[in-house]
Amino acid sequence: MHDEMLMKYLVTIKQGDIVQQVQSIILENLPDGQVTDKLVAGELNLSERSMQRRLKEHQTSFRFLLDGVREMVAKQYIENPVNRMSDIAFLIGFSEQSAFSRAFKKWTGKTPVQYRDSVN
């Protein structure tokens, strides 16, 4: 499930600017657990500080991009009623479903269940 969606996005953003490259690396690493700025910078062959500066030139930050990617992926998973919330939380890098629910509500103003009910 994750691989199919991941490949769709990676094809379109792999060779883009620093923002798109960071998003691509975040997508690739979400299911492996904790995605950190250190990990992403390392894959870009940059220091963490250099990556931060380059992202700042694009008026963004690593945390903002990580949350944006997580929100986008979570919404797609939630729209499929077969996917369990606990599985979705794990797939986007949360160790606890409660932390995922809090983050999702912060991003959208709705709980994951409310969001699923509104789109289905």
PDB file of N, CA and C in Angstrom:
ATOM      1  N   MET A   1       0.834  -1.186   0.000  1.00  0.00           N
ATOM      2  CA  MET A   1       0.000   0.000   0.000  1.00  0.00           C
ATOM      3  C   MET A   1       0.880   1.252   0.000  1.00  0.00           C
ATOM      4  N   HIS A   2       1.832   1.304   0.896  1.00  0.00           N
ATOM      5  CA  HIS A   2       2.689   2.481   0.995  1.00  0.00           C
ATOM      6  C   HIS A   2       3.569   2.612  -0.239  1.00  0.00           C
ATOM      7  N   ASP A   3       4.109   1.492  -0.732  1.00  0.00           N
ATOM      8  CA  ASP A   3       5.031   1.530  -1.865  1.00  0.00           C
ATOM      9  C   ASP A   3       4.396   2.113  -3.111  1.00  0.00           C
ATOM     10  N   GLU A   4       3.163   1.738  -3.392  1.00  0.00           N
ATOM     11  CA  GLU A   4       2.483   2.231  -4.588  1.00  0.00           C
ATOM     12  C   GLU A   4       2.296   3.750  -4.532  1.00  0.00           C
ATOM     13  N   MET A   5       1.834   4.239  -3.400  1.00  0.00           N
ATOM     14  CA  MET A   5       1.616   5.671  -3.252  1.00  0.00           C
ATOM     15  C   MET A   5       2.947   6.414  -3.241  1.00  0.00           C
ATOM     16  N   LEU A   6       3.921   5.846  -2.575  1.00  0.00           N
ATOM     17  CA  LEU A   6       5.241   6.455  -2.491  1.00  0.00           C
ATOM     18  C   LEU A   6       5.841   6.641  -3.876  1.00  0.00           C
ATOM     19  N   MET A   7       5.776   5.619  -4.693  1.00  0.00           N
ATOM     20  CA  MET A   7       6.372   5.690  -6.030  1.00  0.00           C
ATOM     21  C   MET A   7       5.719   6.785  -6.869  1.00  0.00           C
ATOM     22  N   LYS A   8       4.418   6.957  -6.721  1.00  0.00           N
ATOM     23  CA  LYS A   8       3.690   7.983  -7.466  1.00  0.00           C
ATOM     24  C   LYS A   8       4.264   9.375  -7.172  1.00  0.00           C
ATOM     25  N   TYR A   9       4.517   9.648  -5.910  1.00  0.00           N
ATOM     26  CA  TYR A   9       5.039  10.956  -5.527  1.00  0.00           C
ATOM     27  C   TYR A   9       6.523  11.099  -5.839  1.00  0.00           C
ATOM     28  N   LEU A  10       7.270  10.051  -5.626  1.00  0.00           N
ATOM     29  CA  LEU A  10       8.713  10.135  -5.837  1.00  0.00           C
ATOM     30  C   LEU A  10       9.067  10.432  -7.281  1.00  0.00           C
ATOM     31  N   VAL A  11       8.322   9.877  -8.205  1.00  0.00           N
ATOM     32  CA  VAL A  11       8.595  10.106  -9.619  1.00  0.00           C
ATOM     33  C   VAL A  11       8.481  11.589  -9.941  1.00  0.00           C
ATOM     34  N   THR A  12       7.520  12.269  -9.343  1.00  0.00           N
ATOM     35  CA  THR A  12       7.290  13.671  -9.681  1.00  0.00           C
ATOM     36  C   THR A  12       8.215  14.647  -8.962  1.00  0.00           C
ATOM     37  N   ILE A  13       8.764  14.277  -7.801  1.00  0.00           N
ATOM     38  CA  ILE A  13       9.531  15.270  -7.038  1.00  0.00           C
ATOM     39  C   ILE A  13      11.004  14.946  -6.869  1.00  0.00           C
ATOM     40  N   LYS A  14      11.468  13.831  -7.367  1.00  0.00           N
ATOM     41  CA  LYS A  14      12.835  13.386  -7.088  1.00  0.00           C
ATOM     42  C   LYS A  14      13.899  14.400  -7.513  1.00  0.00           C
ATOM     43  N   GLN A  15      13.746  15.020  -8.661  1.00  0.00           N
ATOM     44  CA  GLN A  15      14.791  15.898  -9.189  1.00  0.00           C
ATOM     45  C   GLN A  15      14.487  17.390  -8.991  1.00  0.00           C
ATOM     46  N   GLY A  16      13.592  17.726  -8.101  1.00  0.00           N
ATOM     47  CA  GLY A  16      13.210  19.116  -7.908  1.00  0.00           C
ATOM     48  C   GLY A  16      14.190  19.902  -7.063  1.00  0.00           C
ATOM     49  N   ASP A  17      13.727  21.051  -6.586  1.00  0.00           N
ATOM     50  CA  ASP A  17      14.556  21.907  -5.743  1.00  0.00           C
ATOM     51  C   ASP A  17      14.733  21.276  -4.360  1.00  0.00           C
ATOM     52  N   ILE A  18      15.409  21.981  -3.479  1.00  0.00           N
ATOM     53  CA  ILE A  18      15.725  21.449  -2.149  1.00  0.00           C
ATOM     54  C   ILE A  18      14.454  21.060  -1.391  1.00  0.00           C
ATOM     55  N   VAL A  19      13.391  21.843  -1.539  1.00  0.00           N
ATOM     56  CA  VAL A  19      12.141  21.541  -0.847  1.00  0.00           C
ATOM     57  C   VAL A  19      11.595  20.197  -1.330  1.00  0.00           C
ATOM     58  N   GLN A  20      11.549  20.012  -2.623  1.00  0.00           N
ATOM     59  CA  GLN A  20      11.031  18.761  -3.180  1.00  0.00           C
ATOM     60  C   GLN A  20      11.939  17.580  -2.851  1.00  0.00           C
ATOM     61  N   GLN A  21      13.236  17.802  -2.818  1.00  0.00           N
ATOM     62  CA  GLN A  21      14.155  16.728  -2.463  1.00  0.00           C
ATOM     63  C   GLN A  21      13.954  16.298  -1.006  1.00  0.00           C
ATOM     64  N   VAL A  22      13.771  17.268  -0.125  1.00  0.00           N
ATOM     65  CA  VAL A  22      13.532  16.955   1.285  1.00  0.00           C
ATOM     66  C   VAL A  22      12.214  16.184   1.415  1.00  0.00           C
ATOM     67  N   GLN A  23      11.173  16.630   0.726  1.00  0.00           N
ATOM     68  CA  GLN A  23       9.891  15.932   0.772  1.00  0.00           C
ATOM     69  C   GLN A  23      10.040  14.490   0.279  1.00  0.00           C
ATOM     70  N   SER A  24      10.799  14.303  -0.767  1.00  0.00           N
ATOM     71  CA  SER A  24      11.026  12.971  -1.323  1.00  0.00           C
ATOM     72  C   SER A  24      11.709  12.054  -0.311  1.00  0.00           C
ATOM     73  N   ILE A  25      12.728  12.565   0.344  1.00  0.00           N
ATOM     74  CA  ILE A  25      13.454  11.761   1.332  1.00  0.00           C
ATOM     75  C   ILE A  25      12.561  11.454   2.533  1.00  0.00           C
ATOM     76  N   ILE A  26      11.753  12.419   2.939  1.00  0.00           N
ATOM     77  CA  ILE A  26      10.810  12.176   4.036  1.00  0.00           C
ATOM     78  C   ILE A  26       9.858  11.045   3.647  1.00  0.00           C
ATOM     79  N   LEU A  27       9.289  11.110   2.446  1.00  0.00           N
ATOM     80  CA  LEU A  27       8.380  10.052   1.986  1.00  0.00           C
ATOM     81  C   LEU A  27       9.044   8.681   1.983  1.00  0.00           C
ATOM     82  N   GLU A  28      10.264   8.631   1.525  1.00  0.00           N
ATOM     83  CA  GLU A  28      10.982   7.354   1.456  1.00  0.00           C
ATOM     84  C   GLU A  28      11.204   6.749   2.838  1.00  0.00           C
ATOM     85  N   ASN A  29      11.385   7.602   3.835  1.00  0.00           N
ATOM     86  CA  ASN A  29      11.784   7.131   5.155  1.00  0.00           C
ATOM     87  C   ASN A  29      10.671   7.082   6.195  1.00  0.00           C
ATOM     88  N   LEU A  30       9.482   7.569   5.867  1.00  0.00           N
ATOM     89  CA  LEU A  30       8.389   7.582   6.850  1.00  0.00           C
ATOM     90  C   LEU A  30       8.121   6.214   7.474  1.00  0.00           C
ATOM     91  N   PRO A  31       7.988   5.155   6.697  1.00  0.00           N
ATOM     92  CA  PRO A  31       7.640   3.872   7.316  1.00  0.00           C
ATOM     93  C   PRO A  31       8.744   3.277   8.191  1.00  0.00           C
ATOM     94  N   ASP A  32       9.961   3.781   8.051  1.00  0.00           N
ATOM     95  CA  ASP A  32      11.070   3.240   8.834  1.00  0.00           C
ATOM     96  C   ASP A  32      11.107   3.775  10.255  1.00  0.00           C
ATOM     97  N   GLY A  33      10.250   4.731  10.548  1.00  0.00           N
ATOM     98  CA  GLY A  33      10.225   5.270  11.908  1.00  0.00           C
ATOM     99  C   GLY A  33      10.547   6.742  11.915  1.00  0.00           C
ATOM    100  N   GLN A  34      11.352   7.138  12.849  1.00  0.00           N
ATOM    101  CA  GLN A  34      11.654   8.540  13.085  1.00  0.00           C
ATOM    102  C   GLN A  34      12.462   9.141  11.937  1.00  0.00           C
ATOM    103  N   VAL A  35      11.882  10.099  11.241  1.00  0.00           N
ATOM    104  CA  VAL A  35      12.587  10.837  10.198  1.00  0.00           C
ATOM    105  C   VAL A  35      13.147  12.097  10.848  1.00  0.00           C
ATOM    106  N   THR A  36      14.457  12.268  10.769  1.00  0.00           N
ATOM    107  CA  THR A  36      15.093  13.413  11.413  1.00  0.00           C
ATOM    108  C   THR A  36      15.742  14.317  10.383  1.00  0.00           C
ATOM    109  N   ASP A  37      15.989  15.560  10.795  1.00  0.00           N
ATOM    110  CA  ASP A  37      16.689  16.486   9.909  1.00  0.00           C
ATOM    111  C   ASP A  37      18.110  15.994   9.642  1.00  0.00           C
ATOM    112  N   LYS A  38      18.695  15.330  10.609  1.00  0.00           N
ATOM    113  CA  LYS A  38      20.045  14.780  10.430  1.00  0.00           C
ATOM    114  C   LYS A  38      20.056  13.710   9.338  1.00  0.00           C
ATOM    115  N   LEU A  39      19.086  12.823   9.358  1.00  0.00           N
ATOM    116  CA  LEU A  39      18.971  11.774   8.348  1.00  0.00           C
ATOM    117  C   LEU A  39      18.788  12.369   6.953  1.00  0.00           C
ATOM    118  N   VAL A  40      17.876  13.320   6.838  1.00  0.00           N
ATOM    119  CA  VAL A  40      17.581  13.928   5.540  1.00  0.00           C
ATOM    120  C   VAL A  40      18.790  14.705   5.021  1.00  0.00           C
ATOM    121  N   ALA A  41      19.407  15.491   5.882  1.00  0.00           N
ATOM    122  CA  ALA A  41      20.595  16.248   5.472  1.00  0.00           C
ATOM    123  C   ALA A  41      21.695  15.304   4.995  1.00  0.00           C
ATOM    124  N   GLY A  42      21.887  14.213   5.706  1.00  0.00           N
ATOM    125  CA  GLY A  42      22.895  13.229   5.321  1.00  0.00           C
ATOM    126  C   GLY A  42      22.628  12.655   3.939  1.00  0.00           C
ATOM    127  N   GLU A  43      21.368  12.361   3.638  1.00  0.00           N
ATOM    128  CA  GLU A  43      21.030  11.820   2.316  1.00  0.00           C
ATOM    129  C   GLU A  43      21.223  12.857   1.208  1.00  0.00           C
ATOM    130  N   LEU A  44      21.168  14.129   1.576  1.00  0.00           N
ATOM    131  CA  LEU A  44      21.407  15.203   0.603  1.00  0.00           C
ATOM    132  C   LEU A  44      22.881  15.602   0.548  1.00  0.00           C
ATOM    133  N   ASN A  45      23.702  14.939   1.355  1.00  0.00           N
ATOM    134  CA  ASN A  45      25.122  15.282   1.473  1.00  0.00           C
ATOM    135  C   ASN A  45      25.330  16.732   1.905  1.00  0.00           C
ATOM    136  N   LEU A  46      24.508  17.148   2.856  1.00  0.00           N
ATOM    137  CA  LEU A  46      24.595  18.491   3.431  1.00  0.00           C
ATOM    138  C   LEU A  46      24.706  18.361   4.941  1.00  0.00           C
ATOM    139  N   SER A  47      25.245  19.400   5.566  1.00  0.00           N
ATOM    140  CA  SER A  47      25.166  19.449   7.022  1.00  0.00           C
ATOM    141  C   SER A  47      23.737  19.855   7.385  1.00  0.00           C
ATOM    142  N   GLU A  48      23.347  19.590   8.614  1.00  0.00           N
ATOM    143  CA  GLU A  48      22.013  19.987   9.051  1.00  0.00           C
ATOM    144  C   GLU A  48      21.831  21.496   8.904  1.00  0.00           C
ATOM    145  N   ARG A  49      22.845  22.247   9.280  1.00  0.00           N
ATOM    146  CA  ARG A  49      22.768  23.710   9.204  1.00  0.00           C
ATOM    147  C   ARG A  49      22.634  24.185   7.753  1.00  0.00           C
ATOM    148  N   SER A  50      23.391  23.581   6.840  1.00  0.00           N
ATOM    149  CA  SER A  50      23.289  23.971   5.426  1.00  0.00           C
ATOM    150  C   SER A  50      21.897  23.690   4.885  1.00  0.00           C
ATOM    151  N   MET A  51      21.344  22.538   5.246  1.00  0.00           N
ATOM    152  CA  MET A  51      19.988  22.219   4.806  1.00  0.00           C
ATOM    153  C   MET A  51      18.991  23.229   5.372  1.00  0.00           C
ATOM    154  N   GLN A  52      19.145  23.570   6.657  1.00  0.00           N
ATOM    155  CA  GLN A  52      18.253  24.556   7.279  1.00  0.00           C
ATOM    156  C   GLN A  52      18.323  25.891   6.550  1.00  0.00           C
ATOM    157  N   ARG A  53      19.546  26.332   6.210  1.00  0.00           N
ATOM    158  CA  ARG A  53      19.705  27.606   5.504  1.00  0.00           C
ATOM    159  C   ARG A  53      19.042  27.561   4.129  1.00  0.00           C
ATOM    160  N   ARG A  54      19.245  26.468   3.412  1.00  0.00           N
ATOM    161  CA  ARG A  54      18.667  26.348   2.074  1.00  0.00           C
ATOM    162  C   ARG A  54      17.140  26.292   2.134  1.00  0.00           C
ATOM    163  N   LEU A  55      16.608  25.622   3.149  1.00  0.00           N
ATOM    164  CA  LEU A  55      15.153  25.601   3.306  1.00  0.00           C
ATOM    165  C   LEU A  55      14.624  26.979   3.678  1.00  0.00           C
ATOM    166  N   LYS A  56      15.380  27.688   4.500  1.00  0.00           N
ATOM    167  CA  LYS A  56      14.968  29.038   4.898  1.00  0.00           C
ATOM    168  C   LYS A  56      14.905  29.969   3.691  1.00  0.00           C
ATOM    169  N   GLU A  57      15.793  29.771   2.719  1.00  0.00           N
ATOM    170  CA  GLU A  57      15.749  30.558   1.480  1.00  0.00           C
ATOM    171  C   GLU A  57      14.428  30.354   0.745  1.00  0.00           C
ATOM    172  N   HIS A  58      13.781  29.223   0.974  1.00  0.00           N
ATOM    173  CA  HIS A  58      12.481  28.913   0.363  1.00  0.00           C
ATOM    174  C   HIS A  58      11.335  29.173   1.346  1.00  0.00           C
ATOM    175  N   GLN A  59      11.617  29.929   2.410  1.00  0.00           N
ATOM    176  CA  GLN A  59      10.640  30.287   3.437  1.00  0.00           C
ATOM    177  C   GLN A  59       9.944  29.065   4.044  1.00  0.00           C
ATOM    178  N   THR A  60      10.725  28.026   4.340  1.00  0.00           N
ATOM    179  CA  THR A  60      10.160  26.843   4.980  1.00  0.00           C
ATOM    180  C   THR A  60      11.174  26.248   5.945  1.00  0.00           C
ATOM    181  N   SER A  61      10.765  25.181   6.605  1.00  0.00           N
ATOM    182  CA  SER A  61      11.651  24.505   7.555  1.00  0.00           C
ATOM    183  C   SER A  61      11.438  22.991   7.444  1.00  0.00           C
ATOM    184  N   PHE A  62      12.367  22.252   8.011  1.00  0.00           N
ATOM    185  CA  PHE A  62      12.248  20.800   7.997  1.00  0.00           C
ATOM    186  C   PHE A  62      10.972  20.357   8.699  1.00  0.00           C
ATOM    187  N   ARG A  63      10.692  20.900   9.863  1.00  0.00           N
ATOM    188  CA  ARG A  63       9.501  20.509  10.632  1.00  0.00           C
ATOM    189  C   ARG A  63       8.227  20.764   9.835  1.00  0.00           C
ATOM    190  N   PHE A  64       8.149  21.920   9.165  1.00  0.00           N
ATOM    191  CA  PHE A  64       6.973  22.262   8.362  1.00  0.00           C
ATOM    192  C   PHE A  64       6.795  21.252   7.225  1.00  0.00           C
ATOM    193  N   LEU A  65       7.894  20.891   6.552  1.00  0.00           N
ATOM    194  CA  LEU A  65       7.815  19.930   5.454  1.00  0.00           C
ATOM    195  C   LEU A  65       7.445  18.540   5.960  1.00  0.00           C
ATOM    196  N   LEU A  66       8.024  18.126   7.093  1.00  0.00           N
ATOM    197  CA  LEU A  66       7.704  16.820   7.667  1.00  0.00           C
ATOM    198  C   LEU A  66       6.214  16.746   8.006  1.00  0.00           C
ATOM    199  N   ASP A  67       5.692  17.770   8.654  1.00  0.00           N
ATOM    200  CA  ASP A  67       4.269  17.776   8.997  1.00  0.00           C
ATOM    201  C   ASP A  67       3.405  17.776   7.741  1.00  0.00           C
ATOM    202  N   GLY A  68       3.807  18.531   6.730  1.00  0.00           N
ATOM    203  CA  GLY A  68       3.039  18.585   5.481  1.00  0.00           C
ATOM    204  C   GLY A  68       2.981  17.246   4.774  1.00  0.00           C
ATOM    205  N   VAL A  69       4.095  16.559   4.718  1.00  0.00           N
ATOM    206  CA  VAL A  69       4.130  15.238   4.083  1.00  0.00           C
ATOM    207  C   VAL A  69       3.300  14.246   4.890  1.00  0.00           C
ATOM    208  N   ARG A  70       3.461  14.275   6.196  1.00  0.00           N
ATOM    209  CA  ARG A  70       2.682  13.369   7.046  1.00  0.00           C
ATOM    210  C   ARG A  70       1.182  13.613   6.869  1.00  0.00           C
ATOM    211  N   GLU A  71       0.778  14.876   6.837  1.00  0.00           N
ATOM    212  CA  GLU A  71      -0.640  15.196   6.679  1.00  0.00           C
ATOM    213  C   GLU A  71      -1.161  14.691   5.339  1.00  0.00           C
ATOM    214  N   MET A  72      -0.427  14.940   4.267  1.00  0.00           N
ATOM    215  CA  MET A  72      -0.844  14.519   2.931  1.00  0.00           C
ATOM    216  C   MET A  72      -1.012  13.001   2.873  1.00  0.00           C
ATOM    217  N   VAL A  73      -0.028  12.273   3.382  1.00  0.00           N
ATOM    218  CA  VAL A  73      -0.067  10.816   3.340  1.00  0.00           C
ATOM    219  C   VAL A  73      -1.190  10.293   4.245  1.00  0.00           C
ATOM    220  N   ALA A  74      -1.325  10.882   5.425  1.00  0.00           N
ATOM    221  CA  ALA A  74      -2.374  10.446   6.352  1.00  0.00           C
ATOM    222  C   ALA A  74      -3.752  10.608   5.721  1.00  0.00           C
ATOM    223  N   LYS A  75      -4.008  11.731   5.082  1.00  0.00           N
ATOM    224  CA  LYS A  75      -5.309  11.954   4.454  1.00  0.00           C
ATOM    225  C   LYS A  75      -5.607  10.881   3.410  1.00  0.00           C
ATOM    226  N   GLN A  76      -4.618  10.541   2.624  1.00  0.00           N
ATOM    227  CA  GLN A  76      -4.844   9.522   1.599  1.00  0.00           C
ATOM    228  C   GLN A  76      -5.137   8.164   2.225  1.00  0.00           C
ATOM    229  N   TYR A  77      -4.404   7.811   3.267  1.00  0.00           N
ATOM    230  CA  TYR A  77      -4.656   6.540   3.937  1.00  0.00           C
ATOM    231  C   TYR A  77      -6.029   6.521   4.602  1.00  0.00           C
ATOM    232  N   ILE A  78      -6.396   7.628   5.243  1.00  0.00           N
ATOM    233  CA  ILE A  78      -7.671   7.699   5.956  1.00  0.00           C
ATOM    234  C   ILE A  78      -8.848   7.582   4.991  1.00  0.00           C
ATOM    235  N   GLU A  79      -8.705   8.095   3.793  1.00  0.00           N
ATOM    236  CA  GLU A  79      -9.803   8.040   2.829  1.00  0.00           C
ATOM    237  C   GLU A  79     -10.173   6.615   2.442  1.00  0.00           C
ATOM    238  N   ASN A  80      -9.269   5.676   2.646  1.00  0.00           N
ATOM    239  CA  ASN A  80      -9.562   4.271   2.381  1.00  0.00           C
ATOM    240  C   ASN A  80     -10.059   3.640   3.674  1.00  0.00           C
ATOM    241  N   PRO A  81     -11.343   3.288   3.768  1.00  0.00           N
ATOM    242  CA  PRO A  81     -11.902   2.781   5.028  1.00  0.00           C
ATOM    243  C   PRO A  81     -11.313   1.449   5.481  1.00  0.00           C
ATOM    244  N   VAL A  82     -10.581   0.774   4.626  1.00  0.00           N
ATOM    245  CA  VAL A  82      -9.954  -0.497   4.999  1.00  0.00           C
ATOM    246  C   VAL A  82      -8.781  -0.270   5.949  1.00  0.00           C
ATOM    247  N   ASN A  83      -8.125   0.876   5.851  1.00  0.00           N
ATOM    248  CA  ASN A  83      -6.942   1.161   6.660  1.00  0.00           C
ATOM    249  C   ASN A  83      -7.328   1.480   8.098  1.00  0.00           C
ATOM    250  N   ARG A  84      -6.686   0.792   9.033  1.00  0.00           N
ATOM    251  CA  ARG A  84      -6.919   1.043  10.456  1.00  0.00           C
ATOM    252  C   ARG A  84      -6.094   2.254  10.895  1.00  0.00           C
ATOM    253  N   MET A  85      -6.624   3.016  11.826  1.00  0.00           N
ATOM    254  CA  MET A  85      -5.949   4.223  12.306  1.00  0.00           C
ATOM    255  C   MET A  85      -4.588   3.897  12.926  1.00  0.00           C
ATOM    256  N   SER A  86      -4.503   2.793  13.634  1.00  0.00           N
ATOM    257  CA  SER A  86      -3.232   2.433  14.254  1.00  0.00           C
ATOM    258  C   SER A  86      -2.177   2.124  13.189  1.00  0.00           C
ATOM    259  N   ASP A  87      -2.600   1.492  12.095  1.00  0.00           N
ATOM    260  CA  ASP A  87      -1.666   1.207  10.997  1.00  0.00           C
ATOM    261  C   ASP A  87      -1.218   2.495  10.314  1.00  0.00           C
ATOM    262  N   ILE A  88      -2.154   3.409  10.124  1.00  0.00           N
ATOM    263  CA  ILE A  88      -1.828   4.691   9.497  1.00  0.00           C
ATOM    264  C   ILE A  88      -0.823   5.445  10.358  1.00  0.00           C
ATOM    265  N   ALA A  89      -1.064   5.483  11.652  1.00  0.00           N
ATOM    266  CA  ALA A  89      -0.154   6.172  12.576  1.00  0.00           C
ATOM    267  C   ALA A  89       1.254   5.619  12.432  1.00  0.00           C
ATOM    268  N   PHE A  90       1.378   4.304  12.420  1.00  0.00           N
ATOM    269  CA  PHE A  90       2.684   3.665  12.295  1.00  0.00           C
ATOM    270  C   PHE A  90       3.331   3.995  10.941  1.00  0.00           C
ATOM    271  N   LEU A  91       2.549   3.924   9.865  1.00  0.00           N
ATOM    272  CA  LEU A  91       3.087   4.144   8.520  1.00  0.00           C
ATOM    273  C   LEU A  91       3.625   5.556   8.307  1.00  0.00           C
ATOM    274  N   ILE A  92       3.105   6.509   9.053  1.00  0.00           N
ATOM    275  CA  ILE A  92       3.603   7.872   8.865  1.00  0.00           C
ATOM    276  C   ILE A  92       4.543   8.310   9.984  1.00  0.00           C
ATOM    277  N   GLY A  93       5.004   7.341  10.756  1.00  0.00           N
ATOM    278  CA  GLY A  93       6.087   7.620  11.689  1.00  0.00           C
ATOM    279  C   GLY A  93       5.706   7.954  13.114  1.00  0.00           C
ATOM    280  N   PHE A  94       4.478   7.646  13.508  1.00  0.00           N
ATOM    281  CA  PHE A  94       4.075   7.866  14.900  1.00  0.00           C
ATOM    282  C   PHE A  94       4.109   6.531  15.631  1.00  0.00           C
ATOM    283  N   SER A  95       4.655   6.518  16.825  1.00  0.00           N
ATOM    284  CA  SER A  95       4.701   5.276  17.590  1.00  0.00           C
ATOM    285  C   SER A  95       3.402   5.047  18.362  1.00  0.00           C
ATOM    286  N   GLU A  96       2.636   6.106  18.571  1.00  0.00           N
ATOM    287  CA  GLU A  96       1.377   6.004  19.315  1.00  0.00           C
ATOM    288  C   GLU A  96       0.235   6.593  18.495  1.00  0.00           C
ATOM    289  N   GLN A  97      -0.892   5.904  18.489  1.00  0.00           N
ATOM    290  CA  GLN A  97      -2.055   6.399  17.762  1.00  0.00           C
ATOM    291  C   GLN A  97      -2.549   7.718  18.344  1.00  0.00           C
ATOM    292  N   SER A  98      -2.422   7.882  19.646  1.00  0.00           N
ATOM    293  CA  SER A  98      -2.888   9.122  20.284  1.00  0.00           C
ATOM    294  C   SER A  98      -2.077  10.326  19.801  1.00  0.00           C
ATOM    295  N   ALA A  99      -0.777  10.150  19.622  1.00  0.00           N
ATOM    296  CA  ALA A  99       0.059  11.244  19.116  1.00  0.00           C
ATOM    297  C   ALA A  99      -0.336  11.582  17.681  1.00  0.00           C
ATOM    298  N   PHE A 100      -0.614  10.564  16.884  1.00  0.00           N
ATOM    299  CA  PHE A 100      -1.083  10.786  15.515  1.00  0.00           C
ATOM    300  C   PHE A 100      -2.402  11.547  15.524  1.00  0.00           C
ATOM    301  N   SER A 101      -3.340  11.144  16.373  1.00  0.00           N
ATOM    302  CA  SER A 101      -4.646  11.816  16.435  1.00  0.00           C
ATOM    303  C   SER A 101      -4.506  13.283  16.806  1.00  0.00           C
ATOM    304  N   ARG A 102      -3.647  13.571  17.791  1.00  0.00           N
ATOM    305  CA  ARG A 102      -3.418  14.975  18.186  1.00  0.00           C
ATOM    306  C   ARG A 102      -2.821  15.777  17.039  1.00  0.00           C
ATOM    307  N   ALA A 103      -1.820  15.205  16.378  1.00  0.00           N
ATOM    308  CA  ALA A 103      -1.181  15.905  15.261  1.00  0.00           C
ATOM    309  C   ALA A 103      -2.173  16.121  14.126  1.00  0.00           C
ATOM    310  N   PHE A 104      -2.962  15.121  13.810  1.00  0.00           N
ATOM    311  CA  PHE A 104      -3.926  15.236  12.719  1.00  0.00           C
ATOM    312  C   PHE A 104      -4.957  16.317  13.023  1.00  0.00           C
ATOM    313  N   LYS A 105      -5.410  16.381  14.269  1.00  0.00           N
ATOM    314  CA  LYS A 105      -6.375  17.410  14.650  1.00  0.00           C
ATOM    315  C   LYS A 105      -5.752  18.803  14.552  1.00  0.00           C
ATOM    316  N   LYS A 106      -4.480  18.904  14.889  1.00  0.00           N
ATOM    317  CA  LYS A 106      -3.769  20.188  14.760  1.00  0.00           C
ATOM    318  C   LYS A 106      -3.688  20.594  13.279  1.00  0.00           C
ATOM    319  N   TRP A 107      -3.410  19.630  12.397  1.00  0.00           N
ATOM    320  CA  TRP A 107      -3.279  19.926  10.974  1.00  0.00           C
ATOM    321  C   TRP A 107      -4.602  20.291  10.317  1.00  0.00           C
ATOM    322  N   THR A 108      -5.675  19.578  10.675  1.00  0.00           N
ATOM    323  CA  THR A 108      -6.929  19.692   9.917  1.00  0.00           C
ATOM    324  C   THR A 108      -8.097  20.272  10.705  1.00  0.00           C
ATOM    325  N   GLY A 109      -7.971  20.314  12.018  1.00  0.00           N
ATOM    326  CA  GLY A 109      -9.098  20.747  12.838  1.00  0.00           C
ATOM    327  C   GLY A 109     -10.086  19.633  13.115  1.00  0.00           C
ATOM    328  N   LYS A 110      -9.822  18.431  12.584  1.00  0.00           N
ATOM    329  CA  LYS A 110     -10.700  17.281  12.782  1.00  0.00           C
ATOM    330  C   LYS A 110      -9.872  16.103  13.284  1.00  0.00           C
ATOM    331  N   THR A 111     -10.522  15.209  14.009  1.00  0.00           N
ATOM    332  CA  THR A 111      -9.856  13.964  14.359  1.00  0.00           C
ATOM    333  C   THR A 111      -9.793  13.093  13.105  1.00  0.00           C
ATOM    334  N   PRO A 112      -8.938  12.093  13.087  1.00  0.00           N
ATOM    335  CA  PRO A 112      -8.895  11.209  11.919  1.00  0.00           C
ATOM    336  C   PRO A 112     -10.254  10.563  11.615  1.00  0.00           C
ATOM    337  N   VAL A 113     -10.990  10.168  12.639  1.00  0.00           N
ATOM    338  CA  VAL A 113     -12.306   9.551  12.428  1.00  0.00           C
ATOM    339  C   VAL A 113     -13.285  10.567  11.839  1.00  0.00           C
ATOM    340  N   GLN A 114     -13.280  11.780  12.358  1.00  0.00           N
ATOM    341  CA  GLN A 114     -14.157  12.821  11.805  1.00  0.00           C
ATOM    342  C   GLN A 114     -13.798  13.103  10.350  1.00  0.00           C
ATOM    343  N   TYR A 115     -12.514  13.139  10.048  1.00  0.00           N
ATOM    344  CA  TYR A 115     -12.090  13.374   8.673  1.00  0.00           C
ATOM    345  C   TYR A 115     -12.568  12.243   7.770  1.00  0.00           C
ATOM    346  N   ARG A 116     -12.399  10.996   8.202  1.00  0.00           N
ATOM    347  CA  ARG A 116     -12.853   9.846   7.399  1.00  0.00           C
ATOM    348  C   ARG A 116     -14.351   9.930   7.155  1.00  0.00           C
ATOM    349  N   ASP A 117     -15.107  10.267   8.201  1.00  0.00           N
ATOM    350  CA  ASP A 117     -16.565  10.378   8.048  1.00  0.00           C
ATOM    351  C   ASP A 117     -16.946  11.475   7.074  1.00  0.00           C
ATOM    352  N   SER A 118     -16.168  12.545   7.018  1.00  0.00           N
ATOM    353  CA  SER A 118     -16.499  13.674   6.136  1.00  0.00           C
ATOM    354  C   SER A 118     -16.177  13.410   4.672  1.00  0.00           C
ATOM    355  N   VAL A 119     -15.247  12.493   4.398  1.00  0.00           N
ATOM    356  CA  VAL A 119     -14.881  12.215   3.005  1.00  0.00           C
ATOM    357  C   VAL A 119     -15.533  10.948   2.465  1.00  0.00           C
ATOM    358  N   ASN A 120     -16.105  10.133   3.321  1.00  0.00           N
ATOM    359  CA  ASN A 120     -16.756   8.887   2.870  1.00  0.00           C
ATOM    360  C   ASN A 120     -18.250   8.945   2.968  1.00  0.00           C
TER     361      ASN A 120
END
